[in-house]
Amino acid sequence: MKFGPLHAEADLIGGRVVVTWAVELDAAAGERLADVPDVEIRRKHHDFVFPTVTDGEPDPALVWSTAAGAGDGAGDLVTDTFDVAAAHLPPRVAATVHTVTGSQNGGAPVGEVLRWTETVERDENGRAVRLEYRVVDLGGTPHGLPAGRTCYYERRALAPLPGDDVPPRPSRAVATPTARHGTGVWMYDSLPGVLTRHDTQVGPPPPPGAIPEANGGKGQLRRFVDLFGCAADHLRSRAEGLATLRDVETTDARVLPRLAQWVGWDLAVDRAIPEQRHEVRHAANLYRITGTLPGCKLWVRRLTGWDPAIKEFWPNVMFTNDLGNPDDPRDRGSRTVDTADTALLAGLGGPDDGGDYTYDTAPGGRYALNKVGVFVTPDPADDARSMRAKRARLLDNQRLFMPFSVQTVLIVDGEDERSDETIAVPVTTTDDSSEG
């Protein structure tokens, strides 16, 4: 059994998003429709950081689930179910449509608030081989979802697949609903009266279930014009959405990498969406502090997730003629280690090292005028593979935040001192010579 990816796209009718996915079954292995675990669809605006819900509490992000059906809608919910005519489907395919109509306190219906379709495909022996779901999300209200506000969907399995110990990873999708501008009505009203006067041939009655698209009470010409009106509404909404495309706070998260390229920022796409928005928003401010100690600390945290301590080693280099400044107690000059100073002894070799050392010219040495130390403490969850990946990411990208010709020394807490790694930022050179 295999779950396909989650897909979401704005419906042609405004205020709605269509969410689809499929489940492939191995009929030869005896997998049945009853073996498919229950799933739920959740929706959120701005990002995928969904709220944590304890047992017994309503989930504000729930849209639909195979176990409970629709989420919270407009008052009481009434579900109608009907089968799609076999004449409209390929052979060995059956579809069932469920429409959810909301009502206020059990009164008159207020319109459709949700719809989902289950399509089952069978092989020549009548065994189910594919199950497809199609959920039309209206936001739990007949008025539909807010136009232009991007929706972030997540599909989560409530139980493991047969033969597995844990449920499959959630699948995600993004879509932005459009608006209903009434272009079809305007187009129809603009037609000459000689055409609309005879538009009296209504369609057949709709099948069971309140589906707005199946409204047969309109004339033949009106239904034909509405096809172009829906497409025009969709196109207009897409055009109006371009005005907010550069708004970092509300734009579709899939646009953030392009916005980051505009400002020359290498976006960390593996981070959460709020962190990506934060990086793009404050990229210019980070550029201003590039090459400074606070800037180095922010970059190391961004690249690895570690909380580092940054230390310049040049104050630790001993100069025999440096007697210090008698008017500045902090400038004591170069001297030997005072073994009676317990604080000084405790800080030797660490980020608070205040000792004086001879100039270290070794490739992996620390104490030189052009050396900057990055002291990090690994996260307890970091394994050997994660450590290597983070170390390589930091050393390979440190040219982004360190001045040229400055060498970075990475010191990992708990490792042997000989494992310190040094990388030098090369100085860019140009050749002004010419031939001839």
Protein backbone atom coordinates (compact mmCIF):
# COMPACT_ATOMS: atom_id res chain seq x y z
CA MET A 1 0.00 0.00 0.00
CA LYS A 2 1.35 3.37 -0.98
CA PHE A 3 0.07 6.89 -0.29
CA GLY A 4 0.54 9.31 -3.15
CA PRO A 5 1.60 12.93 -2.60
CA LEU A 6 -0.91 15.55 -1.54
CA HIS A 7 -2.00 18.04 -4.20
CA ALA A 8 -3.87 21.31 -3.68
CA GLU A 9 -5.01 23.90 -6.19
CA ALA A 10 -7.50 26.72 -6.33
CA ASP A 11 -10.84 25.69 -7.77
CA LEU A 12 -12.14 27.48 -10.83
CA ILE A 13 -15.02 28.70 -8.67
CA GLY A 14 -13.72 31.28 -6.24
CA GLY A 15 -13.34 30.72 -2.51
CA ARG A 16 -12.59 27.02 -2.82
CA VAL A 17 -9.51 24.80 -2.86
CA VAL A 18 -9.45 21.26 -4.25
CA VAL A 19 -7.25 18.82 -2.33
CA THR A 20 -6.54 15.42 -3.90
CA TRP A 21 -4.45 12.33 -3.22
CA ALA A 22 -4.54 8.64 -4.07
CA VAL A 23 -3.77 5.35 -2.37
CA GLU A 24 -2.33 2.48 -4.40
CA LEU A 25 -3.31 -1.01 -3.15
CA ASP A 26 -1.58 -4.29 -3.89
CA ALA A 27 -4.54 -6.53 -4.63
CA ALA A 28 -2.28 -9.53 -5.21
CA ALA A 29 -1.03 -9.22 -1.62
CA GLY A 30 -4.57 -9.19 -0.27
CA GLU A 31 -4.78 -5.48 0.55
CA ARG A 32 -8.35 -4.22 0.78
CA LEU A 33 -10.08 -0.88 1.12
CA ALA A 34 -10.75 -1.67 4.78
CA ASP A 35 -6.97 -1.80 5.36
CA VAL A 36 -6.46 1.83 4.34
CA PRO A 37 -5.75 3.79 7.56
CA ASP A 38 -7.80 6.84 8.40
CA VAL A 39 -6.32 10.20 7.48
CA GLU A 40 -7.15 13.80 8.25
CA ILE A 41 -6.67 16.99 6.32
CA ARG A 42 -5.66 20.10 8.24
CA ARG A 43 -5.47 23.67 7.00
CA LYS A 44 -3.62 26.70 8.27
CA HIS A 45 -2.69 30.13 7.00
CA HIS A 46 0.82 31.61 6.89
CA ASP A 47 2.79 28.37 7.50
CA PHE A 48 2.71 24.70 8.46
CA VAL A 49 3.10 25.25 12.22
CA PHE A 50 -0.14 23.54 13.25
CA PRO A 51 -1.43 23.80 16.82
CA THR A 52 -1.01 20.88 19.19
CA VAL A 53 -4.37 19.40 20.16
CA THR A 54 -4.88 17.05 23.08
CA ASP A 55 -7.36 14.20 23.08
CA GLY A 56 -10.95 15.34 23.47
CA GLU A 57 -10.34 18.91 22.30
CA PRO A 58 -11.64 20.18 18.93
CA ASP A 59 -9.00 20.76 16.31
CA PRO A 60 -9.34 24.29 14.88
CA ALA A 61 -7.24 23.31 11.86
CA LEU A 62 -9.21 20.19 10.93
CA VAL A 63 -10.89 20.34 7.52
CA TRP A 64 -11.87 16.73 6.95
CA SER A 65 -11.03 13.22 8.06
CA THR A 66 -12.04 9.77 6.87
CA ALA A 67 -13.05 8.90 10.42
CA ALA A 68 -15.18 11.91 11.36
CA GLY A 69 -16.02 13.48 8.01
CA ALA A 70 -16.28 17.27 7.99
CA GLY A 71 -14.73 19.52 10.57
CA ASP A 72 -16.52 22.36 12.34
CA GLY A 73 -18.85 24.07 9.89
CA ALA A 74 -21.66 26.63 9.97
CA GLY A 75 -23.91 25.35 12.73
CA ASP A 76 -25.39 21.87 12.24
CA LEU A 77 -24.14 19.79 9.31
CA VAL A 78 -26.19 17.60 6.99
CA THR A 79 -24.36 15.14 4.74
CA ASP A 80 -25.87 13.85 1.48
CA THR A 81 -24.31 10.93 -0.39
CA PHE A 82 -24.93 9.83 -3.96
CA ASP A 83 -23.18 7.70 -6.56
CA VAL A 84 -21.97 9.12 -9.84
CA ALA A 85 -23.60 7.59 -12.88
CA ALA A 86 -21.53 4.81 -14.39
CA ALA A 87 -21.95 6.33 -17.84
CA HIS A 88 -19.69 9.22 -16.84
CA LEU A 89 -16.83 7.03 -15.55
CA PRO A 90 -14.32 4.67 -17.15
CA PRO A 91 -14.90 0.91 -16.86
CA ARG A 92 -14.36 -0.65 -13.42
CA VAL A 93 -14.37 2.79 -11.77
CA ALA A 94 -16.98 3.88 -9.23
CA ALA A 95 -17.29 7.28 -7.55
CA THR A 96 -19.30 8.42 -4.53
CA VAL A 97 -19.87 12.11 -3.78
CA HIS A 98 -20.56 13.44 -0.29
CA THR A 99 -21.89 16.97 0.11
CA VAL A 100 -22.08 18.73 3.47
CA THR A 101 -24.71 21.42 3.90
CA GLY A 102 -24.67 23.74 6.88
CA SER A 103 -27.72 25.00 8.75
CA GLN A 104 -28.24 27.43 11.57
CA ASN A 105 -29.46 25.68 14.73
CA GLY A 106 -31.22 23.01 12.73
CA GLY A 107 -33.12 25.55 10.61
CA ALA A 108 -33.05 26.20 6.88
CA PRO A 109 -29.91 25.15 4.98
CA VAL A 110 -27.39 27.94 4.40
CA GLY A 111 -25.50 26.26 1.56
CA GLU A 112 -22.75 23.79 0.89
CA VAL A 113 -19.74 23.99 3.22
CA LEU A 114 -17.71 20.95 2.13
CA ARG A 115 -17.61 18.20 -0.46
CA TRP A 116 -15.50 15.12 -0.96
CA THR A 117 -15.47 12.38 -3.57
CA GLU A 118 -14.22 8.82 -3.17
CA THR A 119 -13.24 7.11 -6.42
CA VAL A 120 -12.40 3.40 -6.43
CA GLU A 121 -10.71 1.65 -9.34
CA ARG A 122 -10.85 -2.15 -9.58
CA ASP A 123 -9.02 -4.72 -11.65
CA GLU A 124 -10.57 -7.31 -13.92
CA ASN A 125 -11.18 -9.57 -10.90
CA GLY A 126 -13.12 -6.87 -9.05
CA ARG A 127 -10.38 -6.19 -6.50
CA ALA A 128 -9.71 -2.60 -5.51
CA VAL A 129 -6.31 -1.37 -6.78
CA ARG A 130 -6.64 2.39 -6.37
CA LEU A 131 -8.53 4.75 -4.06
CA GLU A 132 -8.60 8.44 -4.83
CA TYR A 133 -9.94 11.23 -2.60
CA ARG A 134 -10.97 14.67 -3.79
CA VAL A 135 -11.89 17.18 -1.08
CA VAL A 136 -13.36 20.56 -1.98
CA ASP A 137 -12.60 22.91 0.91
CA LEU A 138 -14.89 25.91 1.36
CA GLY A 139 -13.57 26.90 4.77
CA GLY A 140 -16.61 25.54 6.60
CA THR A 141 -18.86 28.30 5.27
CA PRO A 142 -20.92 28.73 2.09
CA HIS A 143 -19.12 32.04 1.47
CA GLY A 144 -15.89 30.14 0.85
CA LEU A 145 -12.30 30.72 1.87
CA PRO A 146 -10.82 34.24 1.98
CA ALA A 147 -9.62 35.12 -1.49
CA GLY A 148 -5.91 35.70 -1.94
CA ARG A 149 -4.97 34.23 1.44
CA THR A 150 -2.67 31.25 0.94
CA CYS A 151 -3.75 28.00 2.59
CA TYR A 152 -1.26 25.41 3.82
CA TYR A 153 -2.60 21.86 3.90
CA GLU A 154 -1.26 18.79 5.64
CA ARG A 155 -2.38 15.19 5.33
CA ARG A 156 -1.69 13.08 8.40
CA ALA A 157 -2.33 9.36 8.73
CA LEU A 158 -3.99 8.36 12.00
CA ALA A 159 -2.55 4.83 11.98
CA PRO A 160 0.44 3.01 10.46
CA LEU A 161 0.25 1.30 7.11
CA PRO A 162 -0.09 -2.49 7.16
CA GLY A 163 3.26 -3.98 8.12
CA ASP A 164 4.70 -0.71 9.48
CA ASP A 165 5.26 0.41 13.05
CA VAL A 166 4.70 4.16 12.68
CA PRO A 167 2.34 6.23 10.50
CA PRO A 168 3.83 7.64 7.27
CA ARG A 169 5.24 11.14 7.31
CA PRO A 170 2.71 13.95 6.75
CA SER A 171 2.36 15.20 3.19
CA ARG A 172 1.89 18.91 2.52
CA ALA A 173 0.56 21.16 -0.23
CA VAL A 174 -0.09 24.87 -0.77
CA ALA A 175 -2.84 26.69 -2.67
CA THR A 176 -4.29 30.20 -2.83
CA PRO A 177 -8.08 30.46 -3.38
CA THR A 178 -9.47 33.01 -5.79
CA ALA A 179 -12.49 35.32 -5.50
CA ARG A 180 -15.97 35.37 -7.02
CA HIS A 181 -16.27 38.64 -8.93
CA GLY A 182 -19.55 37.89 -10.69
CA THR A 183 -18.08 38.30 -14.16
CA GLY A 184 -20.47 35.70 -15.57
CA VAL A 185 -23.51 37.68 -14.39
CA TRP A 186 -22.07 40.88 -15.84
CA MET A 187 -21.37 39.19 -19.17
CA TYR A 188 -24.87 37.74 -19.32
CA ASP A 189 -26.53 41.05 -18.46
CA SER A 190 -24.50 42.73 -21.19
CA LEU A 191 -25.98 40.52 -23.91
CA PRO A 192 -28.74 41.92 -26.13
CA GLY A 193 -32.21 41.38 -24.77
CA VAL A 194 -33.22 39.46 -27.88
CA LEU A 195 -30.87 36.67 -26.76
CA THR A 196 -31.69 36.56 -23.07
CA ARG A 197 -35.45 36.86 -23.65
CA HIS A 198 -35.61 33.38 -25.11
CA ASP A 199 -33.14 31.80 -22.68
CA THR A 200 -35.78 29.65 -21.05
CA GLN A 201 -34.56 26.12 -21.72
CA VAL A 202 -33.52 25.01 -18.25
CA GLY A 203 -31.40 21.97 -17.60
CA PRO A 204 -32.34 18.71 -15.92
CA PRO A 205 -32.85 18.68 -12.17
CA PRO A 206 -29.59 18.27 -10.23
CA PRO A 207 -28.71 14.92 -8.70
CA PRO A 208 -29.13 14.43 -4.95
CA GLY A 209 -26.91 16.77 -2.99
CA ALA A 210 -26.62 20.52 -3.10
CA ILE A 211 -23.93 21.09 -5.73
CA PRO A 212 -23.95 24.70 -7.00
CA GLU A 213 -22.45 23.73 -10.37
CA ALA A 214 -25.38 21.37 -11.03
CA ASN A 215 -27.98 24.14 -10.78
CA GLY A 216 -30.43 23.34 -13.54
CA GLY A 217 -32.70 26.30 -12.88
CA LYS A 218 -30.76 28.58 -15.20
CA GLY A 219 -31.24 28.86 -18.92
CA GLN A 220 -29.03 27.20 -21.46
CA LEU A 221 -27.32 30.44 -22.49
CA ARG A 222 -26.75 31.50 -18.89
CA ARG A 223 -25.06 28.22 -18.04
CA PHE A 224 -22.86 28.57 -21.11
CA VAL A 225 -21.78 32.13 -20.22
CA ASP A 226 -21.06 31.08 -16.64
CA LEU A 227 -18.27 28.82 -17.90
CA PHE A 228 -16.38 31.83 -19.22
CA GLY A 229 -17.33 33.91 -16.20
CA CYS A 230 -15.70 31.47 -13.78
CA ALA A 231 -12.51 31.45 -15.85
CA ALA A 232 -12.50 35.26 -16.02
CA ASP A 233 -12.96 35.49 -12.23
CA HIS A 234 -10.07 33.10 -11.73
CA LEU A 235 -7.81 35.05 -14.07
CA ARG A 236 -8.70 38.38 -12.46
CA SER A 237 -7.92 37.07 -8.97
CA ARG A 238 -4.55 35.79 -10.13
CA ALA A 239 -3.72 39.19 -11.63
CA GLU A 240 -4.77 41.08 -8.51
CA GLY A 241 -2.67 38.71 -6.40
CA LEU A 242 0.49 39.98 -8.10
CA ALA A 243 0.20 43.19 -6.06
CA THR A 244 0.95 41.32 -2.82
CA LEU A 245 3.49 38.90 -4.25
CA ARG A 246 6.41 40.76 -2.64
CA ASP A 247 4.82 41.00 0.79
CA VAL A 248 7.14 38.79 2.86
CA GLU A 249 4.55 38.35 5.61
CA THR A 250 1.67 37.03 3.48
CA THR A 251 3.11 35.79 0.19
CA ASP A 252 3.08 32.14 -0.76
CA ALA A 253 6.02 30.43 0.94
CA ARG A 254 7.05 28.97 -2.40
CA VAL A 255 7.94 32.51 -3.55
CA LEU A 256 10.36 33.14 -0.66
CA PRO A 257 13.42 31.59 -2.41
CA ARG A 258 12.93 33.96 -5.34
CA LEU A 259 12.54 36.97 -3.04
CA ALA A 260 15.73 35.90 -1.29
CA GLN A 261 17.57 35.81 -4.63
CA TRP A 262 16.53 39.40 -5.31
CA VAL A 263 18.48 40.55 -2.26
CA GLY A 264 21.35 38.10 -2.79
CA TRP A 265 20.46 35.92 0.17
CA ASP A 266 21.07 32.18 0.31
CA LEU A 267 17.82 31.06 1.90
CA ALA A 268 17.83 28.03 4.18
CA VAL A 269 14.91 26.19 2.58
CA ASP A 270 15.14 23.36 5.11
CA ARG A 271 14.05 25.67 7.93
CA ALA A 272 10.49 26.38 9.01
CA ILE A 273 8.55 28.93 6.99
CA PRO A 274 8.50 31.58 9.79
CA GLU A 275 12.31 31.40 9.93
CA GLN A 276 12.52 31.76 6.15
CA ARG A 277 10.31 34.86 6.26
CA HIS A 278 12.47 36.25 9.06
CA GLU A 279 15.66 35.72 7.04
CA VAL A 280 14.32 37.46 3.94
CA ARG A 281 12.90 40.33 5.99
CA HIS A 282 16.16 41.00 7.87
CA ALA A 283 18.69 40.05 5.19
CA ALA A 284 19.73 43.66 4.70
CA ASN A 285 20.34 44.09 8.43
CA LEU A 286 22.49 40.95 8.52
CA TYR A 287 24.59 42.25 5.66
CA ARG A 288 25.47 45.30 7.76
CA ILE A 289 26.96 43.17 10.52
CA THR A 290 28.77 40.69 8.26
CA GLY A 291 32.34 40.29 9.49
CA THR A 292 31.55 41.33 13.06
CA LEU A 293 31.39 39.07 16.10
CA PRO A 294 27.56 39.32 16.40
CA GLY A 295 27.27 38.63 12.68
CA CYS A 296 29.47 35.54 12.93
CA LYS A 297 27.39 34.24 15.81
CA LEU A 298 24.14 34.67 13.89
CA TRP A 299 25.55 32.97 10.80
CA VAL A 300 26.89 29.99 12.74
CA ARG A 301 23.52 29.57 14.44
CA ARG A 302 21.77 29.80 11.09
CA LEU A 303 24.02 27.28 9.34
CA THR A 304 24.23 24.68 12.08
CA GLY A 305 21.67 25.44 14.77
CA TRP A 306 24.48 25.54 17.35
CA ASP A 307 24.74 28.40 19.82
CA PRO A 308 28.40 29.39 19.42
CA ALA A 309 30.88 31.52 21.30
CA ILE A 310 33.05 33.64 18.99
CA LYS A 311 36.53 34.67 20.07
CA GLU A 312 39.23 36.68 18.34
CA PHE A 313 42.64 35.25 19.17
CA TRP A 314 44.75 38.30 18.40
CA PRO A 315 44.49 39.68 21.99
CA ASN A 316 46.12 36.44 23.20
CA VAL A 317 49.26 36.89 21.09
CA MET A 318 52.22 37.86 23.27
CA PHE A 319 54.39 40.86 22.38
CA THR A 320 57.57 41.31 24.43
CA ASN A 321 57.43 45.11 24.21
CA ASP A 322 53.74 45.40 25.22
CA LEU A 323 53.70 46.75 28.76
CA GLY A 324 50.03 47.74 28.69
CA ASN A 325 48.37 51.06 29.44
CA PRO A 326 48.65 52.11 33.09
CA ASP A 327 45.63 54.39 32.66
CA ASP A 328 43.43 51.51 31.40
CA PRO A 329 43.07 48.57 33.84
CA ARG A 330 41.75 46.39 31.05
CA ASP A 331 44.95 46.75 29.01
CA ARG A 332 47.50 44.88 31.07
CA GLY A 333 49.86 44.15 28.19
CA SER A 334 51.62 40.81 27.65
CA ARG A 335 52.78 38.82 30.67
CA THR A 336 53.16 35.30 31.92
CA VAL A 337 50.28 33.38 33.49
CA ASP A 338 49.47 34.28 37.06
CA THR A 339 48.99 30.85 38.64
CA ALA A 340 47.24 32.45 41.62
CA ASP A 341 44.42 33.72 39.39
CA THR A 342 41.90 30.83 39.48
CA ALA A 343 39.52 32.51 37.04
CA LEU A 344 42.31 32.93 34.51
CA LEU A 345 43.39 29.32 34.87
CA ALA A 346 39.81 28.05 34.48
CA GLY A 347 39.38 29.93 31.21
CA LEU A 348 42.53 28.69 29.50
CA GLY A 349 41.76 27.03 26.18
CA GLY A 350 38.16 28.20 26.12
CA PRO A 351 36.29 31.19 24.69
CA ASP A 352 37.15 33.23 27.81
CA ASP A 353 40.87 32.52 27.61
CA GLY A 354 42.82 35.52 28.89
CA GLY A 355 46.30 34.04 28.72
CA ASP A 356 49.15 35.15 26.50
CA TYR A 357 50.71 32.80 23.94
CA THR A 358 53.52 32.92 21.46
CA TYR A 359 52.50 33.38 17.85
CA ASP A 360 51.23 30.03 16.51
CA THR A 361 52.10 29.55 12.85
CA ALA A 362 50.85 25.94 12.60
CA PRO A 363 48.03 25.31 10.06
CA GLY A 364 45.66 24.30 12.84
CA GLY A 365 46.98 26.76 15.40
CA ARG A 366 44.76 29.18 17.22
CA TYR A 367 46.80 32.08 18.54
CA ALA A 368 47.57 34.35 15.63
CA LEU A 369 46.52 37.82 14.53
CA ASN A 370 44.30 36.50 11.74
CA LYS A 371 42.57 33.68 13.64
CA VAL A 372 38.97 33.70 14.91
CA GLY A 373 37.69 30.81 17.01
CA VAL A 374 34.20 29.36 16.85
CA PHE A 375 33.48 27.39 20.02
CA VAL A 376 30.40 25.18 19.70
CA THR A 377 28.64 22.63 21.86
CA PRO A 378 26.84 19.93 19.88
CA ASP A 379 23.19 19.28 20.46
CA PRO A 380 22.54 16.05 22.39
CA ALA A 381 20.47 14.81 19.45
CA ASP A 382 23.39 15.20 17.02
CA ASP A 383 24.86 11.90 15.88
CA ALA A 384 28.14 11.41 14.03
CA ARG A 385 26.52 11.91 10.63
CA SER A 386 24.77 15.10 11.69
CA MET A 387 28.00 16.42 13.20
CA ARG A 388 29.90 15.89 9.97
CA ALA A 389 27.18 17.54 7.91
CA LYS A 390 26.99 20.61 10.15
CA ARG A 391 30.76 20.91 10.35
CA ALA A 392 31.07 20.79 6.56
CA ARG A 393 28.23 23.29 6.11
CA LEU A 394 29.88 25.75 8.45
CA LEU A 395 33.40 25.47 7.02
CA ASP A 396 32.22 25.51 3.41
CA ASN A 397 30.08 28.63 3.87
CA GLN A 398 32.10 30.66 6.35
CA ARG A 399 33.24 32.96 3.54
CA LEU A 400 29.73 34.41 3.72
CA PHE A 401 30.28 35.93 7.15
CA MET A 402 34.07 36.18 7.67
CA PRO A 403 36.33 38.90 6.23
CA PHE A 404 38.80 37.80 3.56
CA SER A 405 42.23 36.53 4.64
CA VAL A 406 40.84 35.62 8.08
CA GLN A 407 41.12 32.03 9.22
CA THR A 408 38.33 30.35 11.16
CA VAL A 409 39.14 27.74 13.79
CA LEU A 410 36.26 25.44 14.74
CA ILE A 411 36.50 24.03 18.26
CA VAL A 412 33.86 21.45 19.20
CA ASP A 413 33.33 20.91 22.91
CA GLY A 414 34.14 17.38 24.00
CA GLU A 415 36.48 16.59 21.11
CA ASP A 416 40.24 16.34 21.28
CA GLU A 417 42.04 19.61 20.66
CA ARG A 418 43.87 18.08 17.73
CA SER A 419 40.53 17.81 15.91
CA ASP A 420 40.31 21.60 15.54
CA GLU A 421 39.67 22.46 11.91
CA THR A 422 40.93 25.58 10.23
CA ILE A 423 39.89 27.04 6.93
CA ALA A 424 41.22 30.19 5.34
CA VAL A 425 39.18 32.57 3.22
CA PRO A 426 41.15 33.14 0.04
CA VAL A 427 41.92 36.67 -1.06
CA THR A 428 40.47 37.52 -4.47
CA THR A 429 43.18 38.53 -6.92
CA THR A 430 43.08 40.00 -10.40
CA ASP A 431 45.60 39.91 -13.20
CA ASP A 432 45.98 43.30 -14.86
CA SER A 433 48.58 42.14 -17.33
CA SER A 434 47.77 42.12 -21.04
CA GLU A 435 49.37 40.54 -24.02
CA GLY A 436 50.89 42.40 -26.89
